[in-house]
Amino acid sequence: MTSTVHEPNPSSNPSTASVRGGPALPGPRRRTSKRLWLVFAILAAAFVFLLVEGLGSSLNFFDTVDQAYAHRASLGTSTFNLEGDVVDGSIHPTAVGTDFTIAEGDRKVAVDNTGSPPQLFQVGIAVVAVGHFTSDHSSSFVSHQILVKHSANYCAANPNRVKSKSGNVVLC
């Protein structure tokens, strides 16, 4: 008598199907989907961060004299835009540009500018000097550019808006 022993078919057993090359389980697909969502979340966070930083820095075009004094230690010698009114009697031409003083209230900053000032540059008007402090605690500012508001069309249409803080009208 012969007896026949039946061995189980490995492909019919679902617990060993994936081990032996059978159909893939949904586990790795879920992991890939989670990774994809994680990548999208990181990209979205980076985009939002860049957007906020970019808009934040562009909204603050200049610092007033008071703001610059308040943040002088953190500004250090980095370049920024400084706004103030040109002090009467402070404009002195130099061999490389113009030295002048700008003020906001009682605070004053001595500006050493290299290059030619704009044609509308004069005493009593609000200007923006592009440059940096000479040190963390200095009241001297080195500038390479002076910006003055001007537009004949704008001045004609808005005569009350072209005044400096001292009340002087900017020539257009």
N, C-alpha and C. Protein backbone atom coordinates (compact mmCIF):
# COMPACT_ATOMS: atom_id res chain seq x y z
N MET A 1 0.80 -1.16 0.00
CA MET A 1 0.00 0.00 0.00
C MET A 1 0.85 1.23 0.00
N THR A 2 0.45 1.97 -0.82
CA THR A 2 1.15 3.24 -0.93
C THR A 2 0.25 4.34 -0.42
N SER A 3 0.91 5.16 0.30
CA SER A 3 0.15 6.31 0.78
C SER A 3 0.64 7.57 0.08
N THR A 4 -0.25 8.38 -0.18
CA THR A 4 0.08 9.64 -0.85
C THR A 4 0.00 10.76 0.16
N VAL A 5 1.09 11.47 0.21
CA VAL A 5 1.12 12.62 1.12
C VAL A 5 0.97 13.87 0.27
N HIS A 6 0.06 14.65 0.66
CA HIS A 6 -0.18 15.92 -0.06
C HIS A 6 0.51 17.05 0.67
N GLU A 7 1.42 17.66 -0.04
CA GLU A 7 2.07 18.83 0.56
C GLU A 7 1.27 20.06 0.14
N PRO A 8 1.19 21.02 1.04
CA PRO A 8 0.39 22.21 0.71
C PRO A 8 1.08 23.02 -0.40
N ASN A 9 0.28 23.57 -1.24
CA ASN A 9 0.76 24.42 -2.33
C ASN A 9 1.09 25.81 -1.75
N PRO A 10 2.36 26.26 -1.87
CA PRO A 10 2.73 27.55 -1.27
C PRO A 10 1.98 28.73 -1.86
N SER A 11 1.58 28.67 -3.10
CA SER A 11 0.88 29.81 -3.70
C SER A 11 -0.56 29.88 -3.24
N SER A 12 -1.10 28.80 -2.68
CA SER A 12 -2.48 28.84 -2.21
C SER A 12 -2.57 29.37 -0.79
N ASN A 13 -1.45 29.49 -0.10
CA ASN A 13 -1.45 29.99 1.27
C ASN A 13 -1.24 31.51 1.22
N PRO A 14 -2.21 32.33 1.62
CA PRO A 14 -2.09 33.78 1.50
C PRO A 14 -1.00 34.36 2.39
N SER A 15 -0.63 33.70 3.48
CA SER A 15 0.38 34.27 4.37
C SER A 15 1.78 34.20 3.76
N THR A 16 2.02 33.29 2.83
CA THR A 16 3.33 33.17 2.22
C THR A 16 3.37 33.72 0.80
N ALA A 17 2.25 34.21 0.29
CA ALA A 17 2.19 34.67 -1.10
C ALA A 17 3.12 35.86 -1.35
N SER A 18 3.15 36.81 -0.43
CA SER A 18 3.98 37.98 -0.67
C SER A 18 5.45 37.68 -0.46
N VAL A 19 5.77 36.68 0.33
CA VAL A 19 7.16 36.31 0.56
C VAL A 19 7.74 35.66 -0.68
N ARG A 20 6.96 34.92 -1.37
CA ARG A 20 7.44 34.15 -2.52
C ARG A 20 7.19 34.86 -3.85
N GLY A 21 6.95 36.16 -3.86
CA GLY A 21 6.81 36.87 -5.13
C GLY A 21 5.38 37.01 -5.59
N GLY A 22 4.43 36.80 -4.74
CA GLY A 22 3.03 36.95 -5.12
C GLY A 22 2.63 38.41 -5.20
N PRO A 23 1.37 38.71 -5.15
CA PRO A 23 0.90 40.09 -5.26
C PRO A 23 1.39 40.94 -4.08
N ALA A 24 1.69 42.22 -4.35
CA ALA A 24 2.21 43.11 -3.31
C ALA A 24 1.09 43.53 -2.37
N LEU A 25 1.45 43.70 -1.14
CA LEU A 25 0.50 44.18 -0.15
C LEU A 25 0.37 45.70 -0.25
N PRO A 26 -0.72 46.28 0.20
CA PRO A 26 -0.92 47.73 0.07
C PRO A 26 -0.01 48.56 0.99
N GLY A 27 0.76 47.98 1.89
CA GLY A 27 1.62 48.70 2.82
C GLY A 27 2.58 49.66 2.16
N PRO A 28 3.41 49.22 1.22
CA PRO A 28 4.36 50.13 0.59
C PRO A 28 3.69 51.27 -0.16
N ARG A 29 2.54 51.01 -0.75
CA ARG A 29 1.83 52.06 -1.48
C ARG A 29 1.38 53.15 -0.52
N ARG A 30 0.93 52.80 0.65
CA ARG A 30 0.55 53.79 1.65
C ARG A 30 1.76 54.60 2.09
N ARG A 31 2.88 53.93 2.25
CA ARG A 31 4.11 54.61 2.67
C ARG A 31 4.53 55.62 1.60
N THR A 32 4.44 55.26 0.34
CA THR A 32 4.78 56.17 -0.74
C THR A 32 3.83 57.36 -0.75
N SER A 33 2.57 57.12 -0.53
CA SER A 33 1.58 58.19 -0.50
C SER A 33 1.88 59.14 0.66
N LYS A 34 2.24 58.63 1.81
CA LYS A 34 2.57 59.46 2.96
C LYS A 34 3.82 60.28 2.68
N ARG A 35 4.80 59.68 2.03
CA ARG A 35 6.02 60.40 1.68
C ARG A 35 5.72 61.53 0.71
N LEU A 36 4.85 61.27 -0.24
CA LEU A 36 4.47 62.29 -1.22
C LEU A 36 3.78 63.46 -0.53
N TRP A 37 2.87 63.18 0.38
CA TRP A 37 2.19 64.24 1.13
C TRP A 37 3.19 65.02 1.99
N LEU A 38 4.16 64.33 2.55
CA LEU A 38 5.18 64.99 3.36
C LEU A 38 6.02 65.94 2.49
N VAL A 39 6.39 65.50 1.31
CA VAL A 39 7.16 66.35 0.39
C VAL A 39 6.34 67.58 0.00
N PHE A 40 5.06 67.39 -0.33
CA PHE A 40 4.20 68.52 -0.67
C PHE A 40 4.06 69.48 0.51
N ALA A 41 3.92 68.96 1.71
CA ALA A 41 3.79 69.81 2.89
C ALA A 41 5.06 70.63 3.12
N ILE A 42 6.23 70.02 2.94
CA ILE A 42 7.49 70.74 3.11
C ILE A 42 7.63 71.81 2.04
N LEU A 43 7.29 71.49 0.80
CA LEU A 43 7.36 72.48 -0.28
C LEU A 43 6.39 73.64 -0.04
N ALA A 44 5.19 73.33 0.42
CA ALA A 44 4.22 74.39 0.72
C ALA A 44 4.70 75.28 1.85
N ALA A 45 5.28 74.68 2.89
CA ALA A 45 5.81 75.47 4.01
C ALA A 45 6.96 76.36 3.55
N ALA A 46 7.83 75.84 2.70
CA ALA A 46 8.95 76.63 2.19
C ALA A 46 8.44 77.79 1.33
N PHE A 47 7.44 77.54 0.51
CA PHE A 47 6.85 78.58 -0.32
C PHE A 47 6.23 79.68 0.53
N VAL A 48 5.47 79.30 1.54
CA VAL A 48 4.85 80.28 2.43
C VAL A 48 5.92 81.09 3.16
N PHE A 49 6.98 80.43 3.63
CA PHE A 49 8.06 81.13 4.32
C PHE A 49 8.71 82.17 3.41
N LEU A 50 9.05 81.77 2.18
CA LEU A 50 9.68 82.70 1.24
C LEU A 50 8.75 83.86 0.88
N LEU A 51 7.47 83.57 0.74
CA LEU A 51 6.50 84.61 0.43
C LEU A 51 6.40 85.63 1.56
N VAL A 52 6.29 85.15 2.79
CA VAL A 52 6.19 86.04 3.94
C VAL A 52 7.47 86.86 4.11
N GLU A 53 8.62 86.23 3.99
CA GLU A 53 9.89 86.94 4.13
C GLU A 53 10.06 87.98 3.02
N GLY A 54 9.74 87.61 1.82
CA GLY A 54 9.87 88.53 0.70
C GLY A 54 8.95 89.73 0.82
N LEU A 55 7.70 89.49 1.16
CA LEU A 55 6.76 90.60 1.31
C LEU A 55 7.09 91.44 2.54
N GLY A 56 7.54 90.79 3.59
CA GLY A 56 7.88 91.53 4.81
C GLY A 56 9.01 92.51 4.59
N SER A 57 10.02 92.11 3.89
CA SER A 57 11.15 93.00 3.66
C SER A 57 10.82 94.07 2.63
N SER A 58 9.94 93.79 1.69
CA SER A 58 9.62 94.80 0.69
C SER A 58 8.64 95.84 1.22
N LEU A 59 7.91 95.54 2.26
CA LEU A 59 6.97 96.50 2.82
C LEU A 59 7.68 97.60 3.60
N ASN A 60 8.85 97.32 4.14
CA ASN A 60 9.61 98.30 4.89
C ASN A 60 10.68 98.90 3.99
N PHE A 61 10.29 99.93 3.21
CA PHE A 61 11.21 100.51 2.23
C PHE A 61 12.35 101.26 2.90
N PHE A 62 12.08 101.97 3.98
CA PHE A 62 13.12 102.73 4.64
C PHE A 62 12.89 102.76 6.15
N ASP A 63 13.95 103.11 6.88
CA ASP A 63 13.86 103.35 8.31
C ASP A 63 14.00 104.85 8.52
N THR A 64 13.17 105.40 9.41
CA THR A 64 13.32 106.81 9.74
C THR A 64 14.53 106.96 10.65
N VAL A 65 14.93 108.19 10.91
CA VAL A 65 16.08 108.43 11.78
C VAL A 65 15.84 107.82 13.16
N ASP A 66 14.64 108.02 13.71
CA ASP A 66 14.32 107.43 15.03
C ASP A 66 14.41 105.91 15.01
N GLN A 67 13.86 105.28 13.98
CA GLN A 67 13.91 103.82 13.87
C GLN A 67 15.35 103.34 13.73
N ALA A 68 16.14 104.05 12.96
CA ALA A 68 17.54 103.66 12.77
C ALA A 68 18.32 103.75 14.07
N TYR A 69 18.08 104.80 14.86
CA TYR A 69 18.74 104.91 16.16
C TYR A 69 18.30 103.79 17.10
N ALA A 70 17.02 103.47 17.06
CA ALA A 70 16.49 102.41 17.94
C ALA A 70 17.06 101.04 17.58
N HIS A 71 17.33 100.80 16.31
CA HIS A 71 17.82 99.49 15.85
C HIS A 71 19.28 99.53 15.39
N ARG A 72 20.01 100.55 15.79
CA ARG A 72 21.38 100.74 15.31
C ARG A 72 22.28 99.54 15.60
N ALA A 73 22.17 98.95 16.79
CA ALA A 73 23.03 97.81 17.12
C ALA A 73 22.72 96.61 16.22
N SER A 74 21.44 96.36 15.94
CA SER A 74 21.09 95.21 15.09
C SER A 74 21.36 95.51 13.62
N LEU A 75 21.25 96.78 13.20
CA LEU A 75 21.55 97.15 11.82
C LEU A 75 23.05 97.05 11.56
N GLY A 76 23.83 97.41 12.56
CA GLY A 76 25.28 97.36 12.41
C GLY A 76 25.74 98.15 11.20
N THR A 77 26.54 97.53 10.37
CA THR A 77 27.03 98.20 9.16
C THR A 77 26.38 97.63 7.90
N SER A 78 25.21 97.03 8.06
CA SER A 78 24.50 96.51 6.88
C SER A 78 23.82 97.67 6.14
N THR A 79 23.64 97.50 4.85
CA THR A 79 23.05 98.55 4.01
C THR A 79 21.53 98.58 4.19
N PHE A 80 20.99 99.79 4.34
CA PHE A 80 19.54 99.99 4.42
C PHE A 80 19.23 101.39 3.94
N ASN A 81 17.95 101.72 3.85
CA ASN A 81 17.49 103.02 3.39
C ASN A 81 17.10 103.87 4.61
N LEU A 82 17.71 105.04 4.73
CA LEU A 82 17.48 105.94 5.87
C LEU A 82 16.76 107.18 5.40
N GLU A 83 15.63 107.51 6.03
CA GLU A 83 14.82 108.65 5.63
C GLU A 83 14.85 109.74 6.69
N GLY A 84 14.95 110.98 6.23
CA GLY A 84 14.90 112.13 7.13
C GLY A 84 14.88 113.42 6.33
N ASP A 85 14.69 114.54 7.04
CA ASP A 85 14.68 115.86 6.41
C ASP A 85 16.09 116.45 6.41
N VAL A 86 16.49 117.05 5.30
CA VAL A 86 17.81 117.67 5.20
C VAL A 86 17.82 118.92 6.09
N VAL A 87 18.81 118.99 7.00
CA VAL A 87 18.92 120.08 7.97
C VAL A 87 19.47 121.33 7.29
N ASP A 88 18.88 122.48 7.63
CA ASP A 88 19.29 123.77 7.08
C ASP A 88 20.76 124.05 7.39
N GLY A 89 21.52 124.46 6.38
CA GLY A 89 22.93 124.81 6.54
C GLY A 89 23.87 123.63 6.65
N SER A 90 23.39 122.42 6.39
CA SER A 90 24.24 121.23 6.57
C SER A 90 24.84 120.69 5.28
N ILE A 91 24.45 121.21 4.14
CA ILE A 91 24.92 120.68 2.86
C ILE A 91 26.30 121.27 2.54
N HIS A 92 27.29 120.36 2.36
CA HIS A 92 28.66 120.77 2.03
C HIS A 92 29.20 119.87 0.93
N PRO A 93 29.47 120.45 -0.25
CA PRO A 93 30.07 119.64 -1.33
C PRO A 93 31.48 119.19 -0.95
N THR A 94 31.82 117.97 -1.36
CA THR A 94 33.16 117.42 -1.13
C THR A 94 33.76 117.02 -2.46
N ALA A 95 35.00 116.55 -2.42
CA ALA A 95 35.67 116.11 -3.65
C ALA A 95 35.00 114.88 -4.26
N VAL A 96 34.35 114.04 -3.44
CA VAL A 96 33.75 112.80 -3.94
C VAL A 96 32.22 112.80 -3.86
N GLY A 97 31.61 113.86 -3.36
CA GLY A 97 30.16 113.88 -3.23
C GLY A 97 29.66 115.05 -2.43
N THR A 98 28.77 114.76 -1.48
CA THR A 98 28.16 115.79 -0.66
C THR A 98 27.98 115.27 0.76
N ASP A 99 28.34 116.09 1.74
CA ASP A 99 28.07 115.78 3.13
C ASP A 99 26.88 116.62 3.57
N PHE A 100 25.99 116.03 4.35
CA PHE A 100 24.83 116.76 4.85
C PHE A 100 24.30 116.04 6.09
N THR A 101 23.35 116.64 6.75
CA THR A 101 22.74 116.05 7.94
C THR A 101 21.26 115.91 7.70
N ILE A 102 20.70 114.77 8.10
CA ILE A 102 19.25 114.59 8.06
C ILE A 102 18.75 114.43 9.48
N ALA A 103 17.51 114.80 9.70
CA ALA A 103 16.96 114.77 11.05
C ALA A 103 15.51 114.33 11.03
N GLU A 104 15.10 113.85 12.18
CA GLU A 104 13.69 113.57 12.46
C GLU A 104 13.49 114.03 13.90
N GLY A 105 12.79 115.13 14.06
CA GLY A 105 12.67 115.70 15.40
C GLY A 105 14.02 116.20 15.88
N ASP A 106 14.43 115.79 17.09
CA ASP A 106 15.72 116.22 17.65
C ASP A 106 16.88 115.32 17.25
N ARG A 107 16.59 114.16 16.69
CA ARG A 107 17.65 113.21 16.30
C ARG A 107 18.23 113.59 14.95
N LYS A 108 19.56 113.54 14.86
CA LYS A 108 20.24 113.89 13.61
C LYS A 108 21.25 112.82 13.25
N VAL A 109 21.46 112.65 11.93
CA VAL A 109 22.46 111.72 11.42
C VAL A 109 23.28 112.46 10.37
N ALA A 110 24.61 112.43 10.54
CA ALA A 110 25.52 113.01 9.56
C ALA A 110 25.69 112.02 8.41
N VAL A 111 25.46 112.48 7.18
CA VAL A 111 25.54 111.61 6.01
C VAL A 111 26.71 112.04 5.13
N ASP A 112 27.60 111.10 4.84
CA ASP A 112 28.71 111.32 3.89
C ASP A 112 28.33 110.58 2.62
N ASN A 113 27.93 111.34 1.59
CA ASN A 113 27.47 110.73 0.34
C ASN A 113 28.55 110.81 -0.73
N THR A 114 28.75 109.70 -1.43
CA THR A 114 29.64 109.69 -2.59
C THR A 114 28.78 109.74 -3.84
N GLY A 115 29.17 110.55 -4.79
CA GLY A 115 28.39 110.70 -6.01
C GLY A 115 27.63 112.01 -6.00
N SER A 116 26.98 112.29 -7.09
CA SER A 116 26.23 113.54 -7.24
C SER A 116 24.83 113.38 -6.68
N PRO A 117 24.39 114.37 -5.91
CA PRO A 117 23.01 114.32 -5.42
C PRO A 117 22.03 114.64 -6.55
N PRO A 118 20.78 114.24 -6.43
CA PRO A 118 19.78 114.55 -7.47
C PRO A 118 19.56 116.07 -7.57
N GLN A 119 19.03 116.53 -8.69
CA GLN A 119 18.80 117.96 -8.91
C GLN A 119 17.85 118.56 -7.88
N LEU A 120 16.89 117.80 -7.41
CA LEU A 120 15.91 118.33 -6.46
C LEU A 120 16.41 118.29 -5.01
N PHE A 121 17.61 117.82 -4.79
CA PHE A 121 18.18 117.75 -3.45
C PHE A 121 18.40 119.16 -2.92
N GLN A 122 17.82 119.46 -1.75
CA GLN A 122 17.94 120.78 -1.15
C GLN A 122 17.61 120.72 0.34
N VAL A 123 17.82 121.80 1.01
CA VAL A 123 17.53 121.91 2.44
C VAL A 123 16.03 121.80 2.68
N GLY A 124 15.66 121.09 3.75
CA GLY A 124 14.27 121.05 4.19
C GLY A 124 13.41 119.99 3.55
N ILE A 125 13.93 119.23 2.60
CA ILE A 125 13.09 118.21 1.97
C ILE A 125 13.38 116.84 2.58
N ALA A 126 12.43 115.96 2.45
CA ALA A 126 12.62 114.58 2.91
C ALA A 126 13.39 113.82 1.84
N VAL A 127 14.45 113.12 2.27
CA VAL A 127 15.26 112.32 1.36
C VAL A 127 15.44 110.93 1.95
N VAL A 128 15.79 109.99 1.10
CA VAL A 128 16.16 108.65 1.53
C VAL A 128 17.60 108.44 1.08
N ALA A 129 18.47 108.16 2.06
CA ALA A 129 19.88 107.90 1.78
C ALA A 129 20.10 106.40 1.87
N VAL A 130 20.69 105.82 0.83
CA VAL A 130 20.97 104.38 0.79
C VAL A 130 22.42 104.18 1.22
N GLY A 131 22.62 103.42 2.29
CA GLY A 131 23.98 103.22 2.78
C GLY A 131 23.99 102.47 4.10
N HIS A 132 24.96 102.82 4.98
CA HIS A 132 25.11 102.10 6.26
C HIS A 132 25.81 103.00 7.28
N PHE A 133 25.59 102.66 8.57
CA PHE A 133 26.31 103.34 9.64
C PHE A 133 27.77 102.91 9.57
N THR A 134 28.67 103.79 10.05
CA THR A 134 30.09 103.45 10.03
C THR A 134 30.46 102.45 11.12
N SER A 135 29.63 102.35 12.19
CA SER A 135 29.83 101.34 13.23
C SER A 135 28.50 101.12 13.95
N ASP A 136 28.47 100.18 14.88
CA ASP A 136 27.24 99.85 15.60
C ASP A 136 26.73 101.00 16.47
N HIS A 137 27.62 101.89 16.88
CA HIS A 137 27.24 102.96 17.81
C HIS A 137 27.43 104.35 17.22
N SER A 138 27.70 104.44 15.94
CA SER A 138 28.01 105.70 15.29
C SER A 138 26.75 106.44 14.87
N SER A 139 26.85 107.75 14.79
CA SER A 139 25.77 108.54 14.21
C SER A 139 26.17 109.05 12.83
N SER A 140 27.26 108.50 12.29
CA SER A 140 27.70 108.83 10.93
C SER A 140 27.22 107.75 9.96
N PHE A 141 26.70 108.19 8.85
CA PHE A 141 26.11 107.31 7.85
C PHE A 141 26.83 107.51 6.53
N VAL A 142 27.30 106.45 5.92
CA VAL A 142 27.96 106.51 4.63
C VAL A 142 26.94 106.10 3.57
N SER A 143 26.73 106.98 2.60
CA SER A 143 25.70 106.76 1.58
C SER A 143 26.31 106.74 0.19
N HIS A 144 25.73 105.94 -0.69
CA HIS A 144 26.16 105.92 -2.09
C HIS A 144 25.05 106.35 -3.04
N GLN A 145 23.87 106.66 -2.46
CA GLN A 145 22.75 107.08 -3.30
C GLN A 145 21.77 107.90 -2.47
N ILE A 146 21.22 108.95 -3.07
CA ILE A 146 20.20 109.78 -2.43
C ILE A 146 18.95 109.72 -3.30
N LEU A 147 17.82 109.43 -2.66
CA LEU A 147 16.54 109.39 -3.37
C LEU A 147 15.67 110.55 -2.92
N VAL A 148 15.07 111.25 -3.89
CA VAL A 148 14.19 112.39 -3.60
C VAL A 148 12.88 112.14 -4.33
N LYS A 149 11.77 112.37 -3.64
CA LYS A 149 10.46 112.23 -4.30
C LYS A 149 10.28 113.34 -5.31
N HIS A 150 9.86 112.97 -6.50
CA HIS A 150 9.54 113.99 -7.48
C HIS A 150 8.71 113.40 -8.61
N SER A 151 7.77 114.19 -9.04
CA SER A 151 6.97 113.91 -10.22
C SER A 151 6.05 115.10 -10.42
N ALA A 152 6.19 115.77 -11.52
CA ALA A 152 5.38 116.96 -11.78
C ALA A 152 3.90 116.62 -11.78
N ASN A 153 3.54 115.48 -12.36
CA ASN A 153 2.14 115.09 -12.40
C ASN A 153 1.61 114.81 -11.00
N TYR A 154 2.40 114.11 -10.20
CA TYR A 154 1.98 113.78 -8.84
C TYR A 154 1.87 115.05 -8.00
N CYS A 155 2.85 115.95 -8.12
CA CYS A 155 2.84 117.19 -7.33
C CYS A 155 1.64 118.05 -7.68
N ALA A 156 1.31 118.15 -8.95
CA ALA A 156 0.17 118.96 -9.37
C ALA A 156 -1.14 118.37 -8.86
N ALA A 157 -1.24 117.06 -8.87
CA ALA A 157 -2.47 116.40 -8.46
C ALA A 157 -2.61 116.29 -6.94
N ASN A 158 -1.50 116.32 -6.20
CA ASN A 158 -1.52 116.12 -4.75
C ASN A 158 -0.65 117.16 -4.03
N PRO A 159 -1.00 118.43 -4.08
CA PRO A 159 -0.13 119.45 -3.50
C PRO A 159 0.06 119.32 -1.99
N ASN A 160 -0.88 118.74 -1.28
CA ASN A 160 -0.74 118.60 0.18
C ASN A 160 0.11 117.41 0.59
N ARG A 161 0.42 116.52 -0.32
CA ARG A 161 1.18 115.32 0.00
C ARG A 161 2.69 115.47 -0.24
N VAL A 162 3.12 116.57 -0.80
CA VAL A 162 4.53 116.72 -1.14
C VAL A 162 5.24 117.62 -0.13
N LYS A 163 4.88 117.48 1.13
CA LYS A 163 5.51 118.25 2.19
C LYS A 163 6.36 117.34 3.05
N SER A 164 7.49 117.86 3.49
CA SER A 164 8.31 117.11 4.44
C SER A 164 7.68 117.24 5.82
N LYS A 165 8.21 116.51 6.78
CA LYS A 165 7.67 116.57 8.14
C LYS A 165 7.82 117.96 8.75
N SER A 166 8.78 118.74 8.26
CA SER A 166 8.97 120.10 8.78
C SER A 166 7.98 121.08 8.15
N GLY A 167 7.19 120.62 7.16
CA GLY A 167 6.18 121.48 6.53
C GLY A 167 6.63 122.12 5.24
N ASN A 168 7.89 121.94 4.86
CA ASN A 168 8.39 122.51 3.61
C ASN A 168 7.86 121.73 2.42
N VAL A 169 7.52 122.44 1.35
CA VAL A 169 7.03 121.79 0.15
C VAL A 169 8.22 121.37 -0.70
N VAL A 170 8.19 120.11 -1.17
CA VAL A 170 9.24 119.60 -2.06
C VAL A 170 9.03 120.23 -3.43
N LEU A 171 10.09 120.75 -4.01
CA LEU A 171 9.99 121.33 -5.35
C LEU A 171 9.85 120.19 -6.37
N CYS A 172 8.97 120.40 -7.32
CA CYS A 172 8.74 119.38 -8.35
C CYS A 172 9.21 119.85 -9.69
